N, C-alpha and C. Protein backbone atom coordinates (compact mmCIF):
# COMPACT_ATOMS: atom_id res chain seq x y z
N MET A 1 132.22 115.69 86.13
CA MET A 1 132.10 116.37 87.59
C MET A 1 133.99 116.73 88.46
N ALA A 2 133.40 118.19 89.01
CA ALA A 2 134.76 118.30 89.37
C ALA A 2 134.27 117.59 90.75
N LYS A 3 135.34 116.78 92.13
CA LYS A 3 135.41 116.56 93.35
C LYS A 3 136.24 117.41 94.16
N LEU A 4 136.00 118.22 95.54
CA LEU A 4 136.18 119.24 95.77
C LEU A 4 136.13 119.08 97.31
N ILE A 5 136.80 119.60 98.59
CA ILE A 5 136.68 120.12 99.16
C ILE A 5 137.11 121.49 99.89
N LEU A 6 135.38 122.09 100.64
CA LEU A 6 135.56 123.50 100.14
C LEU A 6 135.74 123.67 101.70
N THR A 7 136.59 125.15 101.79
CA THR A 7 137.10 125.46 102.35
C THR A 7 137.50 126.82 103.63
N HIS A 8 135.56 127.79 102.59
CA HIS A 8 135.30 128.32 103.44
C HIS A 8 133.42 127.73 103.23
N GLU A 9 132.40 129.29 103.48
CA GLU A 9 130.84 128.30 103.05
C GLU A 9 131.18 129.31 101.92
N VAL A 10 129.74 128.71 101.67
CA VAL A 10 129.15 128.71 100.15
C VAL A 10 127.33 128.51 100.46
N THR A 11 127.23 128.96 100.32
CA THR A 11 125.54 129.72 100.31
C THR A 11 125.33 128.83 99.47
N GLY A 12 124.35 127.26 99.43
CA GLY A 12 123.23 126.44 98.85
C GLY A 12 124.06 125.14 98.91
N LEU A 13 125.05 125.51 99.07
CA LEU A 13 126.36 124.56 98.35
C LEU A 13 127.36 123.30 99.89
N GLY A 14 127.95 123.57 101.14
CA GLY A 14 128.06 123.81 102.18
C GLY A 14 128.84 123.87 102.82
N GLU A 15 129.98 123.46 104.10
CA GLU A 15 130.74 123.98 105.40
C GLU A 15 131.83 123.97 104.08
N PRO A 16 132.67 124.96 105.08
CA PRO A 16 133.73 124.21 105.18
C PRO A 16 133.94 123.19 105.96
N GLY A 17 135.27 122.12 104.91
CA GLY A 17 136.00 120.57 105.25
C GLY A 17 134.64 119.71 104.46
N ASP A 18 133.59 120.23 103.81
CA ASP A 18 132.75 118.88 103.74
C ASP A 18 133.50 118.79 102.01
N VAL A 19 133.05 117.65 101.29
CA VAL A 19 133.78 117.61 100.29
C VAL A 19 132.19 117.40 99.34
N VAL A 20 132.21 118.44 98.20
CA VAL A 20 131.12 118.37 96.92
C VAL A 20 131.63 117.24 95.63
N ASP A 21 130.05 117.77 94.68
CA ASP A 21 130.47 117.96 93.34
C ASP A 21 130.06 118.06 92.83
N VAL A 22 131.22 119.77 91.83
CA VAL A 22 129.96 120.32 91.11
C VAL A 22 131.04 120.65 89.81
N LYS A 23 130.22 120.38 89.22
CA LYS A 23 130.81 120.98 87.65
C LYS A 23 131.66 121.19 87.54
N ASP A 24 132.71 120.78 86.18
CA ASP A 24 133.83 121.79 86.20
C ASP A 24 133.33 122.52 85.64
N GLY A 25 133.68 123.44 84.92
CA GLY A 25 133.49 125.20 85.02
C GLY A 25 133.00 126.03 86.38
N TYR A 26 132.36 125.22 87.08
CA TYR A 26 131.93 126.26 88.74
C TYR A 26 133.31 125.70 89.05
N ALA A 27 133.51 124.35 89.63
CA ALA A 27 135.20 125.14 90.09
C ALA A 27 135.81 125.41 89.05
N ARG A 28 136.24 125.49 88.46
CA ARG A 28 137.21 125.59 87.68
C ARG A 28 137.01 127.77 87.30
N ASN A 29 136.41 128.32 87.21
CA ASN A 29 135.86 129.18 87.74
C ASN A 29 135.34 130.14 88.50
N PHE A 30 135.59 129.18 89.42
CA PHE A 30 134.89 129.90 90.59
C PHE A 30 135.81 129.61 91.97
N LEU A 31 134.76 128.65 92.18
CA LEU A 31 135.30 128.82 93.34
C LEU A 31 137.34 128.16 93.78
N ILE A 32 137.62 127.48 93.22
CA ILE A 32 139.28 127.18 92.76
C ILE A 32 139.99 128.46 92.88
N PRO A 33 138.87 129.65 91.88
CA PRO A 33 140.21 130.85 91.95
C PRO A 33 139.90 131.83 92.60
N ARG A 34 138.48 131.62 93.89
CA ARG A 34 137.97 132.21 94.93
C ARG A 34 138.51 131.68 95.37
N LYS A 35 139.60 130.59 95.43
CA LYS A 35 140.11 130.05 97.05
C LYS A 35 138.87 129.65 98.36
N LEU A 36 137.72 129.27 98.03
CA LEU A 36 136.40 128.71 97.97
C LEU A 36 136.76 127.28 98.06
N ALA A 37 137.79 126.95 97.56
CA ALA A 37 137.72 125.40 97.43
C ALA A 37 138.80 124.62 97.12
N THR A 38 139.22 123.58 97.76
CA THR A 38 140.99 123.21 96.68
C THR A 38 139.55 121.11 96.32
N PRO A 39 140.71 121.58 95.27
CA PRO A 39 141.09 119.73 94.77
C PRO A 39 140.92 119.36 95.61
N TRP A 40 140.09 117.52 95.69
CA TRP A 40 140.03 115.93 96.59
C TRP A 40 140.79 115.96 95.93
N THR A 41 141.93 115.13 96.87
CA THR A 41 142.86 113.63 96.47
C THR A 41 142.59 113.38 97.88
N LYS A 42 143.39 112.26 98.52
CA LYS A 42 143.72 111.05 99.52
C LYS A 42 144.61 112.26 100.06
N GLY A 43 145.81 112.71 99.73
CA GLY A 43 146.20 113.52 100.54
C GLY A 43 145.62 114.41 101.22
N ALA A 44 144.58 115.17 100.85
CA ALA A 44 143.48 116.60 101.21
C ALA A 44 142.80 115.82 101.62
N GLU A 45 142.68 114.75 102.27
CA GLU A 45 141.52 114.11 102.63
C GLU A 45 141.31 114.00 104.55
N SER A 46 143.27 114.76 104.34
CA SER A 46 143.50 114.38 105.85
C SER A 46 143.19 115.99 105.87
N GLN A 47 143.43 117.17 105.53
CA GLN A 47 143.51 118.60 106.51
C GLN A 47 141.87 118.80 106.65
N VAL A 48 140.35 118.06 106.05
CA VAL A 48 139.44 117.67 105.95
C VAL A 48 139.10 117.52 107.76
N SER A 49 139.41 116.86 108.03
CA SER A 49 139.65 117.35 109.86
C SER A 49 140.27 118.48 110.62
N ALA A 50 140.53 118.83 110.29
CA ALA A 50 141.92 119.45 110.67
C ALA A 50 140.66 121.27 110.32
N ILE A 51 140.29 121.72 109.17
CA ILE A 51 139.04 121.82 108.54
C ILE A 51 137.69 122.74 109.59
N ARG A 52 137.62 120.34 109.61
CA ARG A 52 136.57 120.35 110.58
C ARG A 52 136.35 121.06 111.43
N LYS A 53 137.70 120.17 112.21
CA LYS A 53 137.86 121.08 114.17
C LYS A 53 137.89 122.71 114.36
N ALA A 54 138.84 123.57 113.34
CA ALA A 54 138.95 124.90 113.33
C ALA A 54 137.57 125.49 113.13
N ARG A 55 136.46 124.90 111.83
CA ARG A 55 134.98 125.54 111.95
C ARG A 55 134.55 124.87 113.17
N LYS A 56 134.80 124.29 114.42
CA LYS A 56 133.53 123.60 115.54
C LYS A 56 134.21 124.94 116.49
N ALA A 57 135.27 124.87 116.36
CA ALA A 57 135.90 126.36 117.80
C ALA A 57 134.92 127.29 117.18
N ARG A 58 135.13 128.05 115.60
CA ARG A 58 134.32 128.91 115.34
C ARG A 58 133.59 129.48 115.67
N GLU A 59 132.24 128.51 115.48
CA GLU A 59 130.86 128.57 115.33
C GLU A 59 129.84 128.40 116.24
N ILE A 60 129.08 129.40 116.96
CA ILE A 60 128.49 129.41 117.82
C ILE A 60 128.01 128.34 118.26
N ALA A 61 129.01 127.11 119.28
CA ALA A 61 127.95 126.53 119.45
C ALA A 61 126.47 125.30 120.19
N SER A 62 125.35 126.33 119.51
CA SER A 62 124.39 125.47 120.09
C SER A 62 123.38 126.35 119.50
N LEU A 63 122.50 126.06 119.33
CA LEU A 63 120.68 126.88 118.77
C LEU A 63 120.34 128.19 119.75
N GLU A 64 120.93 127.48 120.78
CA GLU A 64 120.16 128.38 121.96
C GLU A 64 120.54 129.94 122.40
N ASP A 65 122.57 129.15 122.36
CA ASP A 65 123.85 130.55 121.72
C ASP A 65 122.57 131.15 121.04
N ALA A 66 122.91 131.10 119.81
CA ALA A 66 122.63 131.32 118.97
C ALA A 66 121.53 131.79 118.35
N ARG A 67 120.23 131.25 118.89
CA ARG A 67 119.05 132.26 119.03
C ARG A 67 119.68 133.82 120.45
N ALA A 68 119.89 133.06 121.22
CA ALA A 68 119.94 134.04 121.93
C ALA A 68 121.17 135.74 121.00
N ALA A 69 122.13 135.70 120.39
CA ALA A 69 122.83 136.24 120.12
C ALA A 69 122.21 136.35 118.37
N ARG A 70 121.41 136.16 118.23
CA ARG A 70 120.04 136.75 117.25
C ARG A 70 119.11 137.57 118.01
N ASP A 71 119.00 137.76 119.35
CA ASP A 71 117.34 138.65 119.49
C ASP A 71 118.57 139.97 119.92
N SER A 72 119.98 139.58 119.95
CA SER A 72 120.57 140.60 121.49
C SER A 72 120.47 141.55 119.46
N LEU A 73 121.02 141.26 118.24
CA LEU A 73 121.26 142.63 117.27
C LEU A 73 120.89 142.42 116.39
N GLN A 74 119.51 142.00 116.34
CA GLN A 74 117.93 142.60 116.64
C GLN A 74 117.15 143.89 117.17
N ALA A 75 117.56 142.70 118.09
CA ALA A 75 117.22 144.62 119.28
C ALA A 75 117.74 146.37 119.09
N LYS A 76 119.29 145.73 118.02
CA LYS A 76 120.43 147.43 118.60
C LYS A 76 120.15 147.49 117.05
N SER A 77 120.51 148.63 116.62
CA SER A 77 120.86 148.52 115.50
C SER A 77 122.05 149.88 115.45
N PHE A 78 122.64 149.22 114.23
CA PHE A 78 124.39 149.12 113.85
C PHE A 78 124.38 150.79 114.26
N VAL A 79 125.82 151.45 113.57
CA VAL A 79 126.28 152.73 112.19
C VAL A 79 126.95 152.79 111.91
N LEU A 80 127.53 153.00 110.88
CA LEU A 80 128.68 153.46 110.06
C LEU A 80 128.87 154.96 109.56
N THR A 81 129.38 154.77 109.54
CA THR A 81 130.35 156.73 109.35
C THR A 81 131.12 156.29 108.25
N VAL A 82 130.70 156.79 107.13
CA VAL A 82 131.17 156.76 105.85
C VAL A 82 131.19 158.21 105.04
N LYS A 83 132.57 157.82 104.39
CA LYS A 83 131.91 159.58 102.98
C LYS A 83 131.20 159.72 102.65
N ALA A 84 130.39 160.84 102.38
CA ALA A 84 129.37 161.27 101.15
C ALA A 84 129.34 162.23 101.10
N GLY A 85 128.60 162.40 99.32
CA GLY A 85 128.48 163.41 98.26
C GLY A 85 126.75 164.17 98.69
N PRO A 86 127.42 165.65 98.57
CA PRO A 86 126.29 165.53 99.33
C PRO A 86 124.34 165.28 98.32
N SER A 87 124.85 165.09 97.66
CA SER A 87 123.63 164.33 97.68
C SER A 87 122.90 162.97 98.44
N GLY A 88 124.08 163.02 99.65
CA GLY A 88 123.90 161.41 100.43
C GLY A 88 124.05 160.15 99.20
N ARG A 89 125.09 160.40 98.66
CA ARG A 89 125.85 159.32 97.62
C ARG A 89 126.90 158.84 98.70
N LEU A 90 127.35 157.46 98.92
CA LEU A 90 128.54 157.29 99.34
C LEU A 90 129.24 157.16 97.43
N PHE A 91 130.49 157.35 98.61
CA PHE A 91 131.77 157.18 97.76
C PHE A 91 132.28 155.37 98.28
N GLY A 92 131.62 154.81 96.92
CA GLY A 92 131.36 153.38 96.99
C GLY A 92 130.46 152.01 97.65
N ALA A 93 131.08 151.38 98.35
CA ALA A 93 130.42 151.29 99.12
C ALA A 93 130.15 149.88 100.58
N VAL A 94 129.94 150.31 101.26
CA VAL A 94 130.07 149.63 102.79
C VAL A 94 130.22 148.33 102.49
N THR A 95 131.40 148.07 103.27
CA THR A 95 131.24 146.08 102.89
C THR A 95 131.64 145.12 104.07
N THR A 96 131.28 143.91 104.19
CA THR A 96 130.55 142.89 104.22
C THR A 96 132.18 143.40 105.82
N ALA A 97 133.31 143.44 105.96
CA ALA A 97 134.13 143.27 106.81
C ALA A 97 133.71 144.78 107.39
N GLU A 98 133.85 145.98 107.11
CA GLU A 98 132.65 147.39 107.43
C GLU A 98 131.89 147.34 109.15
N ILE A 99 130.98 145.75 108.29
CA ILE A 99 129.68 145.76 109.06
C ILE A 99 129.95 144.49 110.22
N ALA A 100 131.13 143.47 109.66
CA ALA A 100 131.20 143.33 111.29
C ALA A 100 131.80 143.66 111.86
N GLN A 101 132.91 144.53 111.87
CA GLN A 101 133.42 145.63 112.78
C GLN A 101 132.44 146.39 114.24
N ALA A 102 131.23 146.68 113.06
CA ALA A 102 130.26 148.09 113.64
C ALA A 102 129.46 146.74 115.10
N ILE A 103 129.12 145.77 113.88
CA ILE A 103 128.45 144.75 114.89
C ILE A 103 129.63 144.22 116.25
N ALA A 104 130.80 144.59 116.02
CA ALA A 104 132.08 144.33 117.06
C ALA A 104 131.94 145.05 117.35
N ALA A 105 132.09 145.98 118.02
CA ALA A 105 132.35 147.53 118.81
C ALA A 105 131.32 146.93 119.78
N ASN A 106 129.66 146.36 119.24
CA ASN A 106 128.40 146.80 120.26
C ASN A 106 128.06 145.56 120.20
N GLY A 107 128.58 144.44 119.93
CA GLY A 107 127.78 142.88 119.73
C GLY A 107 128.41 142.18 120.27
N PRO A 108 128.32 141.13 119.80
CA PRO A 108 129.41 140.36 119.83
C PRO A 108 130.35 138.99 118.62
N GLN A 109 131.69 138.78 118.48
CA GLN A 109 132.26 138.99 117.05
C GLN A 109 131.16 137.86 115.46
N VAL A 110 130.98 139.26 114.55
CA VAL A 110 130.44 138.00 113.90
C VAL A 110 132.11 138.58 112.12
N ASP A 111 131.83 137.31 111.58
CA ASP A 111 133.29 136.95 110.41
C ASP A 111 131.87 137.50 109.44
N LYS A 112 132.63 138.42 109.29
CA LYS A 112 132.56 138.92 107.54
C LYS A 112 131.77 138.41 106.79
N ARG A 113 131.98 136.49 106.07
CA ARG A 113 131.51 136.19 105.45
C ARG A 113 130.43 135.70 106.02
N LYS A 114 129.72 136.02 107.10
CA LYS A 114 128.35 135.41 107.44
C LYS A 114 127.56 136.10 107.45
N ILE A 115 127.71 137.50 106.78
CA ILE A 115 126.77 139.13 106.60
C ILE A 115 126.30 138.98 104.73
N GLU A 116 124.87 139.12 104.33
CA GLU A 116 125.38 138.60 103.11
C GLU A 116 124.19 139.80 102.95
N VAL A 117 124.09 141.08 102.81
CA VAL A 117 123.78 141.87 101.53
C VAL A 117 123.34 142.09 100.49
N SER A 118 121.78 141.73 100.07
CA SER A 118 120.35 141.49 99.25
C SER A 118 121.65 142.74 98.52
N GLN A 119 122.02 143.69 98.11
CA GLN A 119 122.11 145.03 96.64
C GLN A 119 123.10 145.79 97.89
N PRO A 120 124.51 146.19 96.83
CA PRO A 120 125.51 147.26 97.57
C PRO A 120 124.88 147.91 98.63
N ILE A 121 124.84 148.88 99.74
CA ILE A 121 124.81 149.82 100.38
C ILE A 121 125.65 150.80 99.67
N ARG A 122 124.95 152.27 98.37
CA ARG A 122 125.84 153.56 98.70
C ARG A 122 125.13 153.78 99.05
N ASN A 123 124.00 154.40 99.46
CA ASN A 123 123.90 155.31 100.06
C ASN A 123 123.25 156.24 101.55
N VAL A 124 122.85 157.17 102.34
CA VAL A 124 123.14 156.42 103.66
C VAL A 124 122.06 157.17 103.42
N GLY A 125 121.36 156.19 105.00
CA GLY A 125 119.88 155.83 105.28
C GLY A 125 120.11 154.29 106.52
N ASP A 126 118.78 153.59 106.57
CA ASP A 126 118.91 152.81 107.22
C ASP A 126 118.98 151.09 105.95
N HIS A 127 119.50 150.24 106.45
CA HIS A 127 119.81 148.84 105.42
C HIS A 127 118.77 147.86 106.09
N ALA A 128 118.55 146.98 105.57
CA ALA A 128 119.01 145.84 106.44
C ALA A 128 119.68 144.64 105.72
N VAL A 129 120.68 143.86 106.69
CA VAL A 129 121.35 142.71 106.13
C VAL A 129 120.92 141.95 107.73
N SER A 130 121.53 140.50 106.81
CA SER A 130 121.43 139.15 107.26
C SER A 130 122.42 138.72 107.64
N VAL A 131 122.46 138.08 109.03
CA VAL A 131 123.72 137.49 109.09
C VAL A 131 123.81 136.19 109.57
N ARG A 132 124.39 135.37 109.34
CA ARG A 132 123.67 134.18 109.60
C ARG A 132 124.53 133.46 110.94
N LEU A 133 124.01 133.20 112.60
CA LEU A 133 124.44 132.77 113.42
C LEU A 133 124.91 131.00 113.20
N HIS A 134 123.77 130.75 112.71
CA HIS A 134 123.79 129.29 112.67
C HIS A 134 123.72 128.40 111.34
N PRO A 135 123.86 127.30 111.42
CA PRO A 135 123.10 126.56 110.36
C PRO A 135 121.32 126.88 109.65
N GLU A 136 120.44 127.46 111.24
CA GLU A 136 119.22 127.53 111.69
C GLU A 136 118.78 128.66 112.26
N VAL A 137 119.37 128.82 112.56
CA VAL A 137 119.45 131.22 112.50
C VAL A 137 120.09 131.87 112.16
N ALA A 138 118.87 132.61 111.49
CA ALA A 138 120.34 133.76 110.97
C ALA A 138 118.84 134.95 111.68
N ALA A 139 119.94 136.37 112.34
CA ALA A 139 119.25 138.06 112.02
C ALA A 139 119.51 138.60 111.44
N LYS A 140 118.52 139.00 110.81
CA LYS A 140 118.48 140.55 110.44
C LYS A 140 118.60 141.77 111.77
N VAL A 141 120.24 142.44 111.01
CA VAL A 141 120.01 143.19 111.43
C VAL A 141 120.28 145.10 110.61
N ASN A 142 119.99 145.83 111.38
CA ASN A 142 119.48 147.45 110.88
C ASN A 142 120.96 147.58 111.55
N VAL A 143 121.57 148.35 109.81
CA VAL A 143 122.43 149.07 109.56
C VAL A 143 122.40 150.91 109.46
N LYS A 144 122.93 151.92 109.73
CA LYS A 144 122.28 152.72 109.38
C LYS A 144 123.59 153.85 109.64
N VAL A 145 123.18 153.90 108.28
CA VAL A 145 124.67 154.52 107.45
C VAL A 145 124.62 156.07 107.29
N VAL A 146 126.06 156.83 107.69
CA VAL A 146 126.02 158.00 108.14
C VAL A 146 126.51 158.75 107.67
N ALA A 147 126.94 160.23 107.10
CA ALA A 147 127.26 160.78 106.18
C ALA A 147 129.03 161.10 107.27
N ALA A 148 129.93 161.41 106.80
CA ALA A 148 131.02 162.04 108.14
C ALA A 148 130.45 163.58 107.12
N LYS A 149 131.51 164.20 108.37
CA LYS A 149 131.36 165.46 108.42
C LYS A 149 132.99 165.41 108.21
C-alpha cells in the first residue's frame, strides 16, 4: 500500500489535502502520473495545510449557498456553439473546460474538475452534465450543443 497526499479531488477517494492509502499500482500508474497526488513524506505533510487552506478559499462556503447555486444552474440552459459536420457529428468532443466557460458566461464560476460528463459529448443536441458544487450538493445542468455556421 502506498501513502499519498491528494493534490486534486478524486471521485470516490478524497479531496485535495487528504492523506490516503491506495494500492501501489493505482498510485504509480494513475494518481502520480496525472499529478492528482504526491507521495507522502514528513516534509510533504506541511503542504497539506496549505492545500486545505487554498481549497477552503475556492469552495462554496455553506450548504445553503451551494443549494442556491444548484437551483440557479438547473433553471438555466447553457448553449455551446461548436464545429460540426452535416450529420450533426462534432469534430472532436466538448470538453469540461468549454462547459465551464459557458456556465461562467451566464452563471457562477465553476471549476472544470467539478464537472462530470457521463459520456463524451460528440453530437449536437441537448446533453445533461453533473456539476459538484459541494460534497453533498450536485446540480444537473442542461447543455445544448449547436453547430457553428
